[in-house]
Amino acid sequence: MTPDSVVEIVRQALLVTFWLGAPLLAVGFAASVAISLVQIATSMQDSAFSTIPRLVVFLLALLLLLPWMLQKSMAYAVALLGDLGRYAR
């Protein structure tokens, strides 16, 4: 296996990791901004009010995105393991 192929495998792994994590991070960021704006508008600084809705939104996004995330990670694993003979050289 050449150094170029190792770099390509690592690059693909990092890209898949980025694309799997980015939607959840975006949803969490949007929920945090919305909840912070509501807290600023209402002058409510309760920590439970900020934590619980963020967790609920994040879990709902995770449940909705889980099939897509599994499909992407399975496609990456199949592609990586399918070329195992090529990497053994």
N, C-alpha and C. Protein backbone atom coordinates (compact mmCIF):
# COMPACT_ATOMS: atom_id res chain seq x y z
N MET A 1 0.85 -1.17 0.00
CA MET A 1 0.00 0.00 0.00
C MET A 1 0.90 1.24 0.00
N THR A 2 0.62 2.14 -0.88
CA THR A 2 1.43 3.35 -1.02
C THR A 2 0.96 4.43 -0.05
N PRO A 3 1.82 5.37 0.24
CA PRO A 3 1.40 6.48 1.10
C PRO A 3 0.23 7.27 0.52
N ASP A 4 0.15 7.35 -0.80
CA ASP A 4 -0.97 8.07 -1.42
C ASP A 4 -2.30 7.38 -1.14
N SER A 5 -2.31 6.05 -1.16
CA SER A 5 -3.56 5.34 -0.89
C SER A 5 -3.96 5.48 0.58
N VAL A 6 -2.98 5.52 1.47
CA VAL A 6 -3.29 5.73 2.89
C VAL A 6 -3.88 7.12 3.11
N VAL A 7 -3.29 8.11 2.46
CA VAL A 7 -3.81 9.48 2.56
C VAL A 7 -5.23 9.54 2.02
N GLU A 8 -5.49 8.85 0.92
CA GLU A 8 -6.85 8.84 0.34
C GLU A 8 -7.85 8.17 1.27
N ILE A 9 -7.47 7.07 1.91
CA ILE A 9 -8.37 6.39 2.85
C ILE A 9 -8.69 7.29 4.04
N VAL A 10 -7.67 7.94 4.57
CA VAL A 10 -7.88 8.83 5.72
C VAL A 10 -8.73 10.03 5.30
N ARG A 11 -8.47 10.56 4.10
CA ARG A 11 -9.26 11.69 3.61
C ARG A 11 -10.74 11.32 3.48
N GLN A 12 -11.00 10.14 2.92
CA GLN A 12 -12.38 9.69 2.78
C GLN A 12 -13.04 9.48 4.15
N ALA A 13 -12.29 8.93 5.09
CA ALA A 13 -12.83 8.71 6.43
C ALA A 13 -13.18 10.04 7.09
N LEU A 14 -12.32 11.03 6.94
CA LEU A 14 -12.60 12.33 7.53
C LEU A 14 -13.79 13.02 6.85
N LEU A 15 -13.91 12.87 5.54
CA LEU A 15 -15.05 13.45 4.84
C LEU A 15 -16.36 12.81 5.26
N VAL A 16 -16.36 11.49 5.38
CA VAL A 16 -17.58 10.80 5.81
C VAL A 16 -17.94 11.22 7.23
N THR A 17 -16.94 11.33 8.09
CA THR A 17 -17.19 11.78 9.47
C THR A 17 -17.75 13.19 9.49
N PHE A 18 -17.21 14.06 8.67
CA PHE A 18 -17.72 15.43 8.59
C PHE A 18 -19.17 15.46 8.14
N TRP A 19 -19.48 14.73 7.05
CA TRP A 19 -20.84 14.75 6.51
C TRP A 19 -21.83 14.07 7.43
N LEU A 20 -21.39 13.14 8.27
CA LEU A 20 -22.29 12.52 9.23
C LEU A 20 -22.56 13.43 10.42
N GLY A 21 -21.58 14.19 10.82
CA GLY A 21 -21.73 15.05 11.99
C GLY A 21 -22.30 16.43 11.69
N ALA A 22 -22.09 16.93 10.49
CA ALA A 22 -22.49 18.29 10.16
C ALA A 22 -23.99 18.57 10.32
N PRO A 23 -24.89 17.69 9.86
CA PRO A 23 -26.31 18.00 10.04
C PRO A 23 -26.73 18.09 11.51
N LEU A 24 -26.19 17.20 12.33
CA LEU A 24 -26.54 17.24 13.75
C LEU A 24 -25.98 18.49 14.42
N LEU A 25 -24.78 18.87 14.05
CA LEU A 25 -24.20 20.09 14.60
C LEU A 25 -24.99 21.32 14.15
N ALA A 26 -25.44 21.33 12.91
CA ALA A 26 -26.22 22.46 12.41
C ALA A 26 -27.56 22.56 13.13
N VAL A 27 -28.21 21.43 13.35
CA VAL A 27 -29.49 21.44 14.07
C VAL A 27 -29.27 21.90 15.51
N GLY A 28 -28.22 21.40 16.15
CA GLY A 28 -27.93 21.82 17.51
C GLY A 28 -27.61 23.31 17.59
N PHE A 29 -26.87 23.82 16.62
CA PHE A 29 -26.56 25.24 16.60
C PHE A 29 -27.82 26.08 16.40
N ALA A 30 -28.67 25.67 15.46
CA ALA A 30 -29.90 26.43 15.21
C ALA A 30 -30.81 26.42 16.43
N ALA A 31 -30.92 25.27 17.09
CA ALA A 31 -31.74 25.19 18.30
C ALA A 31 -31.17 26.06 19.41
N SER A 32 -29.87 26.08 19.55
CA SER A 32 -29.23 26.90 20.57
C SER A 32 -29.47 28.38 20.33
N VAL A 33 -29.35 28.80 19.07
CA VAL A 33 -29.58 30.21 18.75
C VAL A 33 -31.03 30.58 19.02
N ALA A 34 -31.96 29.73 18.60
CA ALA A 34 -33.39 30.03 18.82
C ALA A 34 -33.71 30.09 20.31
N ILE A 35 -33.21 29.15 21.07
CA ILE A 35 -33.50 29.14 22.51
C ILE A 35 -32.84 30.33 23.20
N SER A 36 -31.64 30.69 22.77
CA SER A 36 -30.98 31.86 23.35
C SER A 36 -31.74 33.14 23.05
N LEU A 37 -32.28 33.24 21.84
CA LEU A 37 -33.09 34.43 21.50
C LEU A 37 -34.36 34.49 22.34
N VAL A 38 -34.98 33.34 22.56
CA VAL A 38 -36.18 33.32 23.41
C VAL A 38 -35.81 33.69 24.84
N GLN A 39 -34.68 33.21 25.33
CA GLN A 39 -34.24 33.56 26.68
C GLN A 39 -33.93 35.04 26.80
N ILE A 40 -33.33 35.61 25.78
CA ILE A 40 -33.04 37.05 25.81
C ILE A 40 -34.33 37.85 25.78
N ALA A 41 -35.29 37.43 24.96
CA ALA A 41 -36.55 38.17 24.83
C ALA A 41 -37.39 38.09 26.10
N THR A 42 -37.33 36.97 26.79
CA THR A 42 -38.16 36.79 27.98
C THR A 42 -37.40 37.03 29.27
N SER A 43 -36.12 37.28 29.19
CA SER A 43 -35.25 37.46 30.37
C SER A 43 -35.32 36.27 31.31
N MET A 44 -35.52 35.10 30.74
CA MET A 44 -35.55 33.87 31.53
C MET A 44 -34.19 33.21 31.42
N GLN A 45 -33.52 32.99 32.53
CA GLN A 45 -32.18 32.42 32.52
C GLN A 45 -32.13 31.07 33.24
N ASP A 46 -33.21 30.31 33.16
CA ASP A 46 -33.26 29.00 33.79
C ASP A 46 -32.44 28.01 32.95
N SER A 47 -31.58 27.24 33.61
CA SER A 47 -30.72 26.31 32.88
C SER A 47 -31.52 25.13 32.32
N ALA A 48 -32.59 24.73 32.99
CA ALA A 48 -33.42 23.63 32.47
C ALA A 48 -34.13 24.06 31.20
N PHE A 49 -34.50 25.32 31.11
CA PHE A 49 -35.17 25.81 29.90
C PHE A 49 -34.24 25.79 28.71
N SER A 50 -32.96 25.95 28.93
CA SER A 50 -32.03 25.94 27.80
C SER A 50 -31.56 24.52 27.45
N THR A 51 -31.48 23.65 28.43
CA THR A 51 -30.92 22.31 28.20
C THR A 51 -31.94 21.34 27.63
N ILE A 52 -33.10 21.27 28.20
CA ILE A 52 -34.09 20.26 27.81
C ILE A 52 -34.56 20.44 26.37
N PRO A 53 -34.92 21.63 25.91
CA PRO A 53 -35.32 21.76 24.50
C PRO A 53 -34.19 21.43 23.52
N ARG A 54 -32.97 21.78 23.88
CA ARG A 54 -31.84 21.44 23.01
C ARG A 54 -31.67 19.93 22.90
N LEU A 55 -31.79 19.24 24.01
CA LEU A 55 -31.69 17.78 23.98
C LEU A 55 -32.81 17.16 23.16
N VAL A 56 -34.02 17.68 23.32
CA VAL A 56 -35.16 17.14 22.58
C VAL A 56 -34.98 17.36 21.08
N VAL A 57 -34.57 18.55 20.69
CA VAL A 57 -34.37 18.85 19.28
C VAL A 57 -33.25 17.98 18.71
N PHE A 58 -32.17 17.83 19.46
CA PHE A 58 -31.06 17.01 19.01
C PHE A 58 -31.47 15.55 18.86
N LEU A 59 -32.23 15.02 19.81
CA LEU A 59 -32.68 13.64 19.72
C LEU A 59 -33.65 13.43 18.56
N LEU A 60 -34.54 14.38 18.34
CA LEU A 60 -35.46 14.28 17.20
C LEU A 60 -34.69 14.32 15.88
N ALA A 61 -33.71 15.19 15.79
CA ALA A 61 -32.89 15.25 14.57
C ALA A 61 -32.12 13.95 14.39
N LEU A 62 -31.62 13.40 15.47
CA LEU A 62 -30.89 12.13 15.39
C LEU A 62 -31.80 11.02 14.90
N LEU A 63 -33.01 10.97 15.42
CA LEU A 63 -33.96 9.94 14.98
C LEU A 63 -34.35 10.10 13.52
N LEU A 64 -34.50 11.34 13.08
CA LEU A 64 -34.88 11.58 11.68
C LEU A 64 -33.71 11.33 10.72
N LEU A 65 -32.50 11.65 11.16
CA LEU A 65 -31.34 11.50 10.29
C LEU A 65 -30.66 10.15 10.39
N LEU A 66 -31.06 9.33 11.34
CA LEU A 66 -30.38 8.06 11.55
C LEU A 66 -30.40 7.14 10.33
N PRO A 67 -31.51 6.99 9.61
CA PRO A 67 -31.46 6.14 8.41
C PRO A 67 -30.46 6.64 7.37
N TRP A 68 -30.42 7.93 7.15
CA TRP A 68 -29.48 8.50 6.21
C TRP A 68 -28.04 8.31 6.68
N MET A 69 -27.81 8.51 7.97
CA MET A 69 -26.46 8.34 8.53
C MET A 69 -26.00 6.89 8.42
N LEU A 70 -26.91 5.96 8.69
CA LEU A 70 -26.56 4.55 8.56
C LEU A 70 -26.26 4.19 7.11
N GLN A 71 -27.04 4.73 6.19
CA GLN A 71 -26.81 4.46 4.77
C GLN A 71 -25.44 4.98 4.33
N LYS A 72 -25.08 6.20 4.75
CA LYS A 72 -23.78 6.77 4.39
C LYS A 72 -22.64 5.96 5.00
N SER A 73 -22.75 5.59 6.26
CA SER A 73 -21.66 4.86 6.90
C SER A 73 -21.56 3.44 6.36
N MET A 74 -22.68 2.82 6.03
CA MET A 74 -22.64 1.48 5.44
C MET A 74 -22.03 1.54 4.04
N ALA A 75 -22.35 2.56 3.27
CA ALA A 75 -21.76 2.69 1.94
C ALA A 75 -20.25 2.87 2.03
N TYR A 76 -19.80 3.64 3.01
CA TYR A 76 -18.36 3.82 3.19
C TYR A 76 -17.70 2.51 3.62
N ALA A 77 -18.32 1.80 4.55
CA ALA A 77 -17.75 0.53 5.01
C ALA A 77 -17.70 -0.51 3.90
N VAL A 78 -18.75 -0.58 3.10
CA VAL A 78 -18.78 -1.53 1.99
C VAL A 78 -17.71 -1.17 0.96
N ALA A 79 -17.55 0.11 0.68
CA ALA A 79 -16.53 0.53 -0.28
C ALA A 79 -15.12 0.24 0.26
N LEU A 80 -14.92 0.46 1.53
CA LEU A 80 -13.60 0.23 2.12
C LEU A 80 -13.28 -1.26 2.19
N LEU A 81 -14.22 -2.04 2.66
CA LEU A 81 -13.98 -3.47 2.80
C LEU A 81 -14.04 -4.19 1.45
N GLY A 82 -14.74 -3.64 0.50
CA GLY A 82 -14.81 -4.23 -0.83
C GLY A 82 -13.49 -4.14 -1.57
N ASP A 83 -12.70 -3.13 -1.26
CA ASP A 83 -11.39 -2.96 -1.89
C ASP A 83 -10.26 -3.48 -1.01
N LEU A 84 -10.55 -4.37 -0.12
CA LEU A 84 -9.55 -4.86 0.82
C LEU A 84 -8.39 -5.55 0.11
N GLY A 85 -8.68 -6.25 -0.98
CA GLY A 85 -7.63 -6.91 -1.73
C GLY A 85 -6.65 -5.92 -2.35
N ARG A 86 -7.17 -4.80 -2.77
CA ARG A 86 -6.31 -3.76 -3.36
C ARG A 86 -5.39 -3.15 -2.31
N TYR A 87 -5.89 -3.03 -1.06
CA TYR A 87 -5.09 -2.42 -0.01
C TYR A 87 -4.04 -3.38 0.53
N ALA A 88 -4.23 -4.67 0.35
CA ALA A 88 -3.29 -5.65 0.89
C ALA A 88 -1.98 -5.70 0.13
N ARG A 89 -1.96 -5.18 -1.07
CA ARG A 89 -0.74 -5.22 -1.88
C ARG A 89 0.33 -4.29 -1.38
